[in-house]
Amino acid sequence: MRSGAGLLTEDAEDIIGASFAVEEDLNKAAELAMQHIEKKCKALSL
């Protein structure tokens, strides 16, 4: 387990089932969100 930012951005999904990303660029933030959604859909075979 990491402390600080690593806990929120990398370990949170394993610990509490949530993920967080910090990105100033809106296009990059949208891409990160879409990647996460696609990963979850694939895991659910959707």
PDB file of N, CA and C in Angstrom:
ATOM      1  N   MET A   1       0.846  -1.185   0.000  1.00  0.00           N
ATOM      2  CA  MET A   1       0.000   0.000   0.000  1.00  0.00           C
ATOM      3  C   MET A   1       0.883   1.237   0.000  1.00  0.00           C
ATOM      4  N   ARG A   2       0.473   2.219  -0.765  1.00  0.00           N
ATOM      5  CA  ARG A   2       1.198   3.487  -0.851  1.00  0.00           C
ATOM      6  C   ARG A   2       0.565   4.496   0.106  1.00  0.00           C
ATOM      7  N   SER A   3       1.225   5.595   0.255  1.00  0.00           N
ATOM      8  CA  SER A   3       0.637   6.662   1.063  1.00  0.00           C
ATOM      9  C   SER A   3       0.335   7.851   0.169  1.00  0.00           C
ATOM     10  N   GLY A   4      -0.510   8.738   0.636  1.00  0.00           N
ATOM     11  CA  GLY A   4      -0.787   9.975  -0.087  1.00  0.00           C
ATOM     12  C   GLY A   4      -1.450   9.775  -1.427  1.00  0.00           C
ATOM     13  N   ALA A   5      -0.895  10.407  -2.469  1.00  0.00           N
ATOM     14  CA  ALA A   5      -1.494  10.394  -3.804  1.00  0.00           C
ATOM     15  C   ALA A   5      -1.611   8.992  -4.368  1.00  0.00           C
ATOM     16  N   GLY A   6      -0.630   8.142  -4.134  1.00  0.00           N
ATOM     17  CA  GLY A   6      -0.690   6.767  -4.636  1.00  0.00           C
ATOM     18  C   GLY A   6      -1.868   6.010  -4.063  1.00  0.00           C
ATOM     19  N   LEU A   7      -2.185   6.262  -2.827  1.00  0.00           N
ATOM     20  CA  LEU A   7      -3.339   5.619  -2.201  1.00  0.00           C
ATOM     21  C   LEU A   7      -4.622   6.004  -2.919  1.00  0.00           C
ATOM     22  N   LEU A   8      -4.788   7.277  -3.220  1.00  0.00           N
ATOM     23  CA  LEU A   8      -5.998   7.735  -3.899  1.00  0.00           C
ATOM     24  C   LEU A   8      -6.045   7.342  -5.366  1.00  0.00           C
ATOM     25  N   THR A   9      -4.900   7.394  -6.038  1.00  0.00           N
ATOM     26  CA  THR A   9      -4.917   7.194  -7.482  1.00  0.00           C
ATOM     27  C   THR A   9      -4.646   5.765  -7.921  1.00  0.00           C
ATOM     28  N   GLU A  10      -4.061   4.937  -7.074  1.00  0.00           N
ATOM     29  CA  GLU A  10      -3.706   3.590  -7.504  1.00  0.00           C
ATOM     30  C   GLU A  10      -4.246   2.485  -6.600  1.00  0.00           C
ATOM     31  N   ASP A  11      -4.278   2.675  -5.309  1.00  0.00           N
ATOM     32  CA  ASP A  11      -4.686   1.619  -4.386  1.00  0.00           C
ATOM     33  C   ASP A  11      -6.158   1.665  -4.004  1.00  0.00           C
ATOM     34  N   ALA A  12      -6.832   2.762  -4.220  1.00  0.00           N
ATOM     35  CA  ALA A  12      -8.213   2.924  -3.766  1.00  0.00           C
ATOM     36  C   ALA A  12      -9.151   1.889  -4.363  1.00  0.00           C
ATOM     37  N   GLU A  13      -8.942   1.519  -5.616  1.00  0.00           N
ATOM     38  CA  GLU A  13      -9.841   0.555  -6.257  1.00  0.00           C
ATOM     39  C   GLU A  13      -9.783  -0.792  -5.544  1.00  0.00           C
ATOM     40  N   ASP A  14      -8.597  -1.227  -5.166  1.00  0.00           N
ATOM     41  CA  ASP A  14      -8.467  -2.491  -4.443  1.00  0.00           C
ATOM     42  C   ASP A  14      -9.027  -2.403  -3.028  1.00  0.00           C
ATOM     43  N   ILE A  15      -8.888  -1.257  -2.404  1.00  0.00           N
ATOM     44  CA  ILE A  15      -9.284  -1.112  -1.006  1.00  0.00           C
ATOM     45  C   ILE A  15     -10.771  -0.835  -0.854  1.00  0.00           C
ATOM     46  N   ILE A  16     -11.303   0.127  -1.624  1.00  0.00           N
ATOM     47  CA  ILE A  16     -12.708   0.522  -1.437  1.00  0.00           C
ATOM     48  C   ILE A  16     -13.557   0.398  -2.690  1.00  0.00           C
ATOM     49  N   GLY A  17     -12.968  -0.122  -3.764  1.00  0.00           N
ATOM     50  CA  GLY A  17     -13.733  -0.301  -4.996  1.00  0.00           C
ATOM     51  C   GLY A  17     -13.975   0.975  -5.775  1.00  0.00           C
ATOM     52  N   ALA A  18     -13.176   1.978  -5.530  1.00  0.00           N
ATOM     53  CA  ALA A  18     -13.318   3.257  -6.229  1.00  0.00           C
ATOM     54  C   ALA A  18     -11.965   3.641  -6.813  1.00  0.00           C
ATOM     55  N   SER A  19     -12.000   4.490  -7.810  1.00  0.00           N
ATOM     56  CA  SER A  19     -10.748   4.990  -8.350  1.00  0.00           C
ATOM     57  C   SER A  19     -10.849   6.501  -8.531  1.00  0.00           C
ATOM     58  N   PHE A  20      -9.717   7.138  -8.454  1.00  0.00           N
ATOM     59  CA  PHE A  20      -9.637   8.588  -8.560  1.00  0.00           C
ATOM     60  C   PHE A  20      -8.512   8.934  -9.504  1.00  0.00           C
ATOM     61  N   ALA A  21      -8.696   9.964 -10.282  1.00  0.00           N
ATOM     62  CA  ALA A  21      -7.637  10.454 -11.161  1.00  0.00           C
ATOM     63  C   ALA A  21      -7.582  11.966 -11.056  1.00  0.00           C
ATOM     64  N   VAL A  22      -6.390  12.482 -11.107  1.00  0.00           N
ATOM     65  CA  VAL A  22      -6.190  13.924 -11.077  1.00  0.00           C
ATOM     66  C   VAL A  22      -5.551  14.299 -12.403  1.00  0.00           C
ATOM     67  N   GLU A  23      -6.275  15.069 -13.196  1.00  0.00           N
ATOM     68  CA  GLU A  23      -5.782  15.457 -14.515  1.00  0.00           C
ATOM     69  C   GLU A  23      -6.298  16.845 -14.848  1.00  0.00           C
ATOM     70  N   GLU A  24      -5.401  17.753 -15.157  1.00  0.00           N
ATOM     71  CA  GLU A  24      -5.795  19.122 -15.489  1.00  0.00           C
ATOM     72  C   GLU A  24      -6.367  19.240 -16.891  1.00  0.00           C
ATOM     73  N   ASP A  25      -5.887  18.425 -17.813  1.00  0.00           N
ATOM     74  CA  ASP A  25      -6.337  18.475 -19.204  1.00  0.00           C
ATOM     75  C   ASP A  25      -7.670  17.733 -19.324  1.00  0.00           C
ATOM     76  N   LEU A  26      -8.717  18.449 -19.745  1.00  0.00           N
ATOM     77  CA  LEU A  26     -10.049  17.845 -19.820  1.00  0.00           C
ATOM     78  C   LEU A  26     -10.115  16.686 -20.800  1.00  0.00           C
ATOM     79  N   ASN A  27      -9.414  16.783 -21.919  1.00  0.00           N
ATOM     80  CA  ASN A  27      -9.414  15.693 -22.900  1.00  0.00           C
ATOM     81  C   ASN A  27      -8.749  14.442 -22.330  1.00  0.00           C
ATOM     82  N   LYS A  28      -7.652  14.620 -21.621  1.00  0.00           N
ATOM     83  CA  LYS A  28      -6.974  13.479 -21.001  1.00  0.00           C
ATOM     84  C   LYS A  28      -7.851  12.888 -19.903  1.00  0.00           C
ATOM     85  N   ALA A  29      -8.519  13.745 -19.142  1.00  0.00           N
ATOM     86  CA  ALA A  29      -9.410  13.265 -18.080  1.00  0.00           C
ATOM     87  C   ALA A  29     -10.549  12.441 -18.677  1.00  0.00           C
ATOM     88  N   ALA A  30     -11.108  12.908 -19.789  1.00  0.00           N
ATOM     89  CA  ALA A  30     -12.185  12.167 -20.451  1.00  0.00           C
ATOM     90  C   ALA A  30     -11.673  10.825 -20.961  1.00  0.00           C
ATOM     91  N   GLU A  31     -10.476  10.800 -21.507  1.00  0.00           N
ATOM     92  CA  GLU A  31      -9.891   9.546 -21.998  1.00  0.00           C
ATOM     93  C   GLU A  31      -9.672   8.570 -20.848  1.00  0.00           C
ATOM     94  N   LEU A  32      -9.176   9.056 -19.716  1.00  0.00           N
ATOM     95  CA  LEU A  32      -8.994   8.196 -18.541  1.00  0.00           C
ATOM     96  C   LEU A  32     -10.330   7.610 -18.085  1.00  0.00           C
ATOM     97  N   ALA A  33     -11.363   8.433 -18.063  1.00  0.00           N
ATOM     98  CA  ALA A  33     -12.684   7.969 -17.652  1.00  0.00           C
ATOM     99  C   ALA A  33     -13.206   6.905 -18.613  1.00  0.00           C
ATOM    100  N   MET A  34     -13.048   7.125 -19.910  1.00  0.00           N
ATOM    101  CA  MET A  34     -13.516   6.157 -20.904  1.00  0.00           C
ATOM    102  C   MET A  34     -12.745   4.845 -20.805  1.00  0.00           C
ATOM    103  N   GLN A  35     -11.464   4.921 -20.579  1.00  0.00           N
ATOM    104  CA  GLN A  35     -10.669   3.700 -20.408  1.00  0.00           C
ATOM    105  C   GLN A  35     -11.160   2.903 -19.207  1.00  0.00           C
ATOM    106  N   HIS A  36     -11.468   3.594 -18.133  1.00  0.00           N
ATOM    107  CA  HIS A  36     -11.953   2.921 -16.921  1.00  0.00           C
ATOM    108  C   HIS A  36     -13.322   2.279 -17.175  1.00  0.00           C
ATOM    109  N   ILE A  37     -14.209   2.994 -17.835  1.00  0.00           N
ATOM    110  CA  ILE A  37     -15.536   2.464 -18.144  1.00  0.00           C
ATOM    111  C   ILE A  37     -15.417   1.240 -19.057  1.00  0.00           C
ATOM    112  N   GLU A  38     -14.566   1.327 -20.069  1.00  0.00           N
ATOM    113  CA  GLU A  38     -14.382   0.199 -20.978  1.00  0.00           C
ATOM    114  C   GLU A  38     -13.812  -1.016 -20.261  1.00  0.00           C
ATOM    115  N   LYS A  39     -12.896  -0.786 -19.332  1.00  0.00           N
ATOM    116  CA  LYS A  39     -12.319  -1.882 -18.536  1.00  0.00           C
ATOM    117  C   LYS A  39     -13.405  -2.573 -17.713  1.00  0.00           C
ATOM    118  N   LYS A  40     -14.259  -1.787 -17.082  1.00  0.00           N
ATOM    119  CA  LYS A  40     -15.331  -2.357 -16.261  1.00  0.00           C
ATOM    120  C   LYS A  40     -16.350  -3.095 -17.123  1.00  0.00           C
ATOM    121  N   CYS A  41     -16.688  -2.553 -18.294  1.00  0.00           N
ATOM    122  CA  CYS A  41     -17.629  -3.221 -19.208  1.00  0.00           C
ATOM    123  C   CYS A  41     -17.066  -4.548 -19.683  1.00  0.00           C
ATOM    124  N   LYS A  42     -15.789  -4.568 -20.012  1.00  0.00           N
ATOM    125  CA  LYS A  42     -15.159  -5.800 -20.461  1.00  0.00           C
ATOM    126  C   LYS A  42     -15.196  -6.837 -19.350  1.00  0.00           C
ATOM    127  N   ALA A  43     -14.921  -6.425 -18.124  1.00  0.00           N
ATOM    128  CA  ALA A  43     -14.952  -7.356 -16.983  1.00  0.00           C
ATOM    129  C   ALA A  43     -16.334  -7.940 -16.778  1.00  0.00           C
ATOM    130  N   LEU A  44     -17.365  -7.190 -17.153  1.00  0.00           N
ATOM    131  CA  LEU A  44     -18.762  -7.656 -17.014  1.00  0.00           C
ATOM    132  C   LEU A  44     -19.272  -8.310 -18.293  1.00  0.00           C
ATOM    133  N   SER A  45     -18.397  -8.453 -19.275  1.00  0.00           N
ATOM    134  CA  SER A  45     -18.754  -9.022 -20.584  1.00  0.00           C
ATOM    135  C   SER A  45     -19.879  -8.238 -21.260  1.00  0.00           C
ATOM    136  N   LEU A  46     -19.813  -6.933 -21.162  1.00  0.00           N
ATOM    137  CA  LEU A  46     -20.822  -6.076 -21.806  1.00  0.00           C
ATOM    138  C   LEU A  46     -20.302  -5.536 -23.115  1.00  0.00           C
TER     139      LEU A  46
END
